[in-house]
Amino acid sequence: MNAQLSTYQASKDSITISIGDTITSRGGSTYTVTAIRTEGRGKGLTITRASSGKEVRISDRMVQNTLSRINKGEEIKFQKNQTQGGISFTVAIEAGVIGCLYNLVEIDTVSRVYRRAS
């Protein structure tokens, strides 16, 4: 069983996410952080969509890969999977990852990309 804490931080420069925090997607859907896992392959967080109650797991690995890509100057496309230059086709996963990196990411709605905040 994975250990649980009440906070998650992707890097020393990123915001701290806590159980109970709300993440809002680009389209306005809201998700609540319901669990944070700190160990093993399941490390990361779980968010729950307010309108449906559906849970989605966000892996630390996905957050870290996205952070690395952003730090290298890559522009990450909206709602595309990683092979297409995005994070995930699933809106909830994309919202969770960007929620963890919110203060490090600039959202360009015209070009439909995320990039490193200036």
Protein backbone atom coordinates (compact mmCIF):
# COMPACT_ATOMS: atom_id res chain seq x y z
CA MET A 1 0.00 0.00 0.00
CA ASN A 2 1.31 3.47 -0.87
CA ALA A 3 1.95 6.03 1.83
CA GLN A 4 -0.22 9.10 1.70
CA LEU A 5 0.47 12.68 2.67
CA SER A 6 -1.70 15.72 2.36
CA THR A 7 0.48 17.71 -0.07
CA TYR A 8 2.26 17.26 -3.41
CA GLN A 9 4.91 19.48 -4.97
CA ALA A 10 6.35 18.66 -8.41
CA SER A 11 9.51 20.74 -7.88
CA LYS A 12 10.90 23.32 -5.50
CA ASP A 13 9.62 26.03 -7.87
CA SER A 14 6.11 24.68 -8.39
CA ILE A 15 3.05 25.31 -6.28
CA THR A 16 2.11 22.92 -3.49
CA ILE A 17 -1.07 20.94 -4.09
CA SER A 18 -3.08 19.81 -1.06
CA ILE A 19 -5.93 17.37 -0.57
CA GLY A 20 -9.11 19.39 -1.01
CA ASP A 21 -7.60 21.87 -3.50
CA THR A 22 -9.61 22.61 -6.62
CA ILE A 23 -8.14 22.49 -10.11
CA THR A 24 -10.02 24.08 -13.01
CA SER A 25 -9.49 22.92 -16.59
CA ARG A 26 -9.23 25.31 -19.55
CA GLY A 27 -12.89 24.61 -20.30
CA GLY A 28 -14.03 25.39 -16.77
CA SER A 29 -14.54 21.87 -15.38
CA THR A 30 -13.53 21.61 -11.75
CA TYR A 31 -11.64 18.80 -10.07
CA THR A 32 -10.87 18.27 -6.41
CA VAL A 33 -7.64 16.66 -5.20
CA THR A 34 -8.80 13.62 -3.23
CA ALA A 35 -5.57 11.68 -2.65
CA ILE A 36 -1.82 12.15 -2.79
CA ARG A 37 0.47 9.15 -3.03
CA THR A 38 4.15 9.49 -2.16
CA GLU A 39 5.74 6.15 -3.00
CA GLY A 40 6.36 3.64 -5.76
CA ARG A 41 4.86 3.36 -9.20
CA GLY A 42 1.60 4.88 -8.01
CA LYS A 43 3.27 8.08 -6.84
CA GLY A 44 1.21 11.15 -7.74
CA LEU A 45 -2.30 12.35 -7.00
CA THR A 46 -5.94 11.54 -7.60
CA ILE A 47 -8.44 14.17 -8.70
CA THR A 48 -12.22 13.85 -8.82
CA ARG A 49 -14.42 15.67 -11.33
CA ALA A 50 -17.07 17.71 -9.51
CA SER A 51 -19.86 17.13 -12.06
CA SER A 52 -19.54 13.35 -12.34
CA GLY A 53 -17.56 12.13 -9.34
CA LYS A 54 -15.18 10.30 -11.70
CA GLU A 55 -11.68 9.82 -10.31
CA VAL A 56 -8.52 10.19 -12.38
CA ARG A 57 -5.01 9.34 -11.25
CA ILE A 58 -2.22 11.73 -12.21
CA SER A 59 1.19 10.09 -12.01
CA ASP A 60 4.23 11.91 -10.70
CA ARG A 61 6.08 10.56 -13.74
CA MET A 62 3.70 12.36 -16.11
CA VAL A 63 4.05 15.60 -14.13
CA GLN A 64 7.85 15.29 -14.10
CA ASN A 65 8.02 14.50 -17.84
CA THR A 66 5.86 17.54 -18.59
CA LEU A 67 7.97 19.74 -16.31
CA SER A 68 11.13 18.57 -18.08
CA ARG A 69 9.63 19.29 -21.50
CA ILE A 70 8.51 22.77 -20.43
CA ASN A 71 11.91 23.52 -18.91
CA LYS A 72 13.54 22.57 -22.24
CA GLY A 73 11.41 25.22 -23.97
CA GLU A 74 8.95 22.83 -25.60
CA GLU A 75 5.46 24.10 -26.35
CA ILE A 76 2.92 21.49 -25.31
CA LYS A 77 -0.25 21.19 -27.38
CA PHE A 78 -3.71 21.23 -25.83
CA GLN A 79 -5.51 17.91 -25.51
CA LYS A 80 -3.10 15.77 -27.53
CA ASN A 81 -1.30 12.67 -26.34
CA GLN A 82 2.45 12.71 -25.76
CA THR A 83 3.33 11.34 -29.20
CA GLN A 84 1.34 14.24 -30.71
CA GLY A 85 3.17 16.84 -28.61
CA GLY A 86 0.68 17.10 -25.75
CA ILE A 87 0.23 15.70 -22.25
CA SER A 88 -2.85 13.53 -22.66
CA PHE A 89 -5.95 13.44 -24.81
CA THR A 90 -7.95 13.17 -21.57
CA VAL A 91 -8.95 16.63 -20.34
CA ALA A 92 -8.87 15.59 -16.67
CA ILE A 93 -5.29 14.31 -16.87
CA GLU A 94 -4.16 17.43 -18.71
CA ALA A 95 -5.90 19.63 -16.12
CA GLY A 96 -4.29 17.72 -13.25
CA VAL A 97 -0.78 17.97 -14.67
CA ILE A 98 -1.13 21.67 -15.51
CA GLY A 99 -2.69 22.25 -12.08
CA CYS A 100 0.49 20.89 -10.48
CA LEU A 101 2.65 23.16 -12.64
CA TYR A 102 0.29 26.12 -12.76
CA ASN A 103 2.75 28.80 -11.65
CA LEU A 104 5.41 27.56 -14.09
CA VAL A 105 3.20 27.42 -17.18
CA GLU A 106 1.79 30.07 -19.49
CA ILE A 107 -1.41 29.16 -21.32
CA ASP A 108 -1.63 30.45 -24.89
CA THR A 109 -5.25 30.03 -26.00
CA VAL A 110 -4.57 31.47 -29.47
CA SER A 111 -1.79 29.00 -30.36
CA ARG A 112 -3.43 26.36 -28.12
CA VAL A 113 -0.23 25.48 -26.26
CA TYR A 114 1.29 25.50 -22.81
CA ARG A 115 4.81 26.90 -22.46
CA ARG A 116 7.23 27.96 -19.75
CA ALA A 117 6.01 31.13 -18.04
CA SER A 118 8.19 34.16 -18.73
